[in-house]
Amino acid sequence: MTQQWTKAGIRAALVEVFSLVLDMPEAEVADELSPDSCRNWDSLRHIQLCTAIDETFGLSLDVAKQVEILTFDLAVETVAEELGVG
């Protein structure tokens, strides 16, 4: 049975993903978090983030979607859209 995601559930799961991949405390993961505001978010970590997002949510984001993830909030929106969560 597939998990029924909610926006709050997506956000909580992504906080964990970003915290692990970017090696930062969960409390520091905010909507405006971006490569410009996080020194650990480089191109390699971006690929790792996208891979972790795919694995966590059972997705296969295409490159265009991966490139759009420029902030934490955009990651939440992208995943919600892909999962059909309003």
C-alpha atoms as a PDB file:
ATOM      1  CA  MET A   1       0.000   0.000   0.000  1.00  0.00           C
ATOM      2  CA  THR A   2       1.336   3.407  -0.954  1.00  0.00           C
ATOM      3  CA  GLN A   3       1.669   6.079   1.679  1.00  0.00           C
ATOM      4  CA  GLN A   4      -0.842   8.921   1.490  1.00  0.00           C
ATOM      5  CA  TRP A   5       1.239  12.067   1.798  1.00  0.00           C
ATOM      6  CA  THR A   6       0.034  15.384   3.170  1.00  0.00           C
ATOM      7  CA  LYS A   7       1.769  18.720   2.678  1.00  0.00           C
ATOM      8  CA  ALA A   8       2.846  18.664   6.345  1.00  0.00           C
ATOM      9  CA  GLY A   9       4.168  15.119   5.949  1.00  0.00           C
ATOM     10  CA  ILE A  10       6.090  16.071   2.819  1.00  0.00           C
ATOM     11  CA  ARG A  11       7.609  19.076   4.589  1.00  0.00           C
ATOM     12  CA  ALA A  12       8.625  16.980   7.623  1.00  0.00           C
ATOM     13  CA  ALA A  13      10.203  14.271   5.462  1.00  0.00           C
ATOM     14  CA  LEU A  14      12.078  16.866   3.418  1.00  0.00           C
ATOM     15  CA  VAL A  15      13.423  18.539   6.566  1.00  0.00           C
ATOM     16  CA  GLU A  16      14.992  15.185   7.445  1.00  0.00           C
ATOM     17  CA  VAL A  17      16.351  14.698   3.905  1.00  0.00           C
ATOM     18  CA  PHE A  18      17.863  18.187   3.720  1.00  0.00           C
ATOM     19  CA  SER A  19      19.317  17.880   7.225  1.00  0.00           C
ATOM     20  CA  LEU A  20      21.016  14.580   6.396  1.00  0.00           C
ATOM     21  CA  VAL A  21      22.271  15.446   2.911  1.00  0.00           C
ATOM     22  CA  LEU A  22      23.418  18.968   3.773  1.00  0.00           C
ATOM     23  CA  ASP A  23      24.817  17.914   7.172  1.00  0.00           C
ATOM     24  CA  MET A  24      22.951  20.563   9.130  1.00  0.00           C
ATOM     25  CA  PRO A  25      20.565  20.648  12.105  1.00  0.00           C
ATOM     26  CA  GLU A  26      16.898  20.159  11.219  1.00  0.00           C
ATOM     27  CA  ALA A  27      16.099  23.408  13.049  1.00  0.00           C
ATOM     28  CA  GLU A  28      18.138  25.325  10.456  1.00  0.00           C
ATOM     29  CA  VAL A  29      16.158  23.976   7.483  1.00  0.00           C
ATOM     30  CA  ALA A  30      13.889  26.902   6.529  1.00  0.00           C
ATOM     31  CA  ASP A  31      11.707  27.693   3.512  1.00  0.00           C
ATOM     32  CA  GLU A  32      14.243  30.129   2.079  1.00  0.00           C
ATOM     33  CA  LEU A  33      17.211  27.732   2.446  1.00  0.00           C
ATOM     34  CA  SER A  34      19.097  27.763  -0.862  1.00  0.00           C
ATOM     35  CA  PRO A  35      22.549  27.107  -2.325  1.00  0.00           C
ATOM     36  CA  ASP A  36      23.255  30.821  -1.761  1.00  0.00           C
ATOM     37  CA  SER A  37      22.506  30.604   1.970  1.00  0.00           C
ATOM     38  CA  CYS A  38      23.960  27.147   2.674  1.00  0.00           C
ATOM     39  CA  ARG A  39      27.659  26.565   2.078  1.00  0.00           C
ATOM     40  CA  ASN A  40      27.166  22.775   2.013  1.00  0.00           C
ATOM     41  CA  TRP A  41      24.639  22.958  -0.850  1.00  0.00           C
ATOM     42  CA  ASP A  42      26.921  22.606  -3.861  1.00  0.00           C
ATOM     43  CA  SER A  43      26.294  20.869  -7.195  1.00  0.00           C
ATOM     44  CA  LEU A  44      27.195  17.408  -5.878  1.00  0.00           C
ATOM     45  CA  ARG A  45      24.949  17.795  -2.836  1.00  0.00           C
ATOM     46  CA  HIS A  46      22.154  19.009  -5.129  1.00  0.00           C
ATOM     47  CA  ILE A  47      22.349  15.717  -7.036  1.00  0.00           C
ATOM     48  CA  GLN A  48      22.400  13.834  -3.721  1.00  0.00           C
ATOM     49  CA  LEU A  49      19.364  15.818  -2.551  1.00  0.00           C
ATOM     50  CA  CYS A  50      17.426  14.982  -5.706  1.00  0.00           C
ATOM     51  CA  THR A  51      18.342  11.306  -5.399  1.00  0.00           C
ATOM     52  CA  ALA A  52      17.289  11.251  -1.731  1.00  0.00           C
ATOM     53  CA  ILE A  53      14.011  12.995  -2.599  1.00  0.00           C
ATOM     54  CA  ASP A  54      13.311  10.412  -5.325  1.00  0.00           C
ATOM     55  CA  GLU A  55      14.048   7.541  -2.930  1.00  0.00           C
ATOM     56  CA  THR A  56      12.049   9.007  -0.044  1.00  0.00           C
ATOM     57  CA  PHE A  57       8.916   9.652  -2.073  1.00  0.00           C
ATOM     58  CA  GLY A  58       9.174   6.952  -4.751  1.00  0.00           C
ATOM     59  CA  LEU A  59       9.568   9.546  -7.491  1.00  0.00           C
ATOM     60  CA  SER A  60      11.742   9.932 -10.531  1.00  0.00           C
ATOM     61  CA  LEU A  61      12.138  13.676 -10.963  1.00  0.00           C
ATOM     62  CA  ASP A  62      13.257  14.661 -14.436  1.00  0.00           C
ATOM     63  CA  VAL A  63      16.191  17.033 -14.881  1.00  0.00           C
ATOM     64  CA  ALA A  64      13.920  20.031 -15.474  1.00  0.00           C
ATOM     65  CA  LYS A  65      12.222  19.461 -12.101  1.00  0.00           C
ATOM     66  CA  GLN A  66      15.568  18.895 -10.372  1.00  0.00           C
ATOM     67  CA  VAL A  67      16.884  22.207 -11.701  1.00  0.00           C
ATOM     68  CA  GLU A  68      13.786  24.015 -10.376  1.00  0.00           C
ATOM     69  CA  ILE A  69      14.592  23.035  -6.768  1.00  0.00           C
ATOM     70  CA  LEU A  70      16.375  26.240  -5.831  1.00  0.00           C
ATOM     71  CA  THR A  71      15.055  26.531  -2.261  1.00  0.00           C
ATOM     72  CA  PHE A  72      13.664  24.212   0.395  1.00  0.00           C
ATOM     73  CA  ASP A  73      10.190  25.651  -0.179  1.00  0.00           C
ATOM     74  CA  LEU A  74      10.432  24.908  -3.922  1.00  0.00           C
ATOM     75  CA  ALA A  75      11.391  21.329  -3.061  1.00  0.00           C
ATOM     76  CA  VAL A  76       8.221  21.014  -0.966  1.00  0.00           C
ATOM     77  CA  GLU A  77       6.114  22.461  -3.797  1.00  0.00           C
ATOM     78  CA  THR A  78       7.746  20.256  -6.444  1.00  0.00           C
ATOM     79  CA  VAL A  79       7.235  17.059  -4.440  1.00  0.00           C
ATOM     80  CA  ALA A  80       3.646  17.993  -3.557  1.00  0.00           C
ATOM     81  CA  GLU A  81       2.911  18.658  -7.225  1.00  0.00           C
ATOM     82  CA  GLU A  82       4.498  15.365  -8.313  1.00  0.00           C
ATOM     83  CA  LEU A  83       2.489  13.450  -5.705  1.00  0.00           C
ATOM     84  CA  GLY A  84      -0.734  15.302  -6.477  1.00  0.00           C
ATOM     85  CA  VAL A  85      -1.022  16.776  -2.982  1.00  0.00           C
ATOM     86  CA  GLY A  86      -2.848  20.103  -2.834  1.00  0.00           C
END
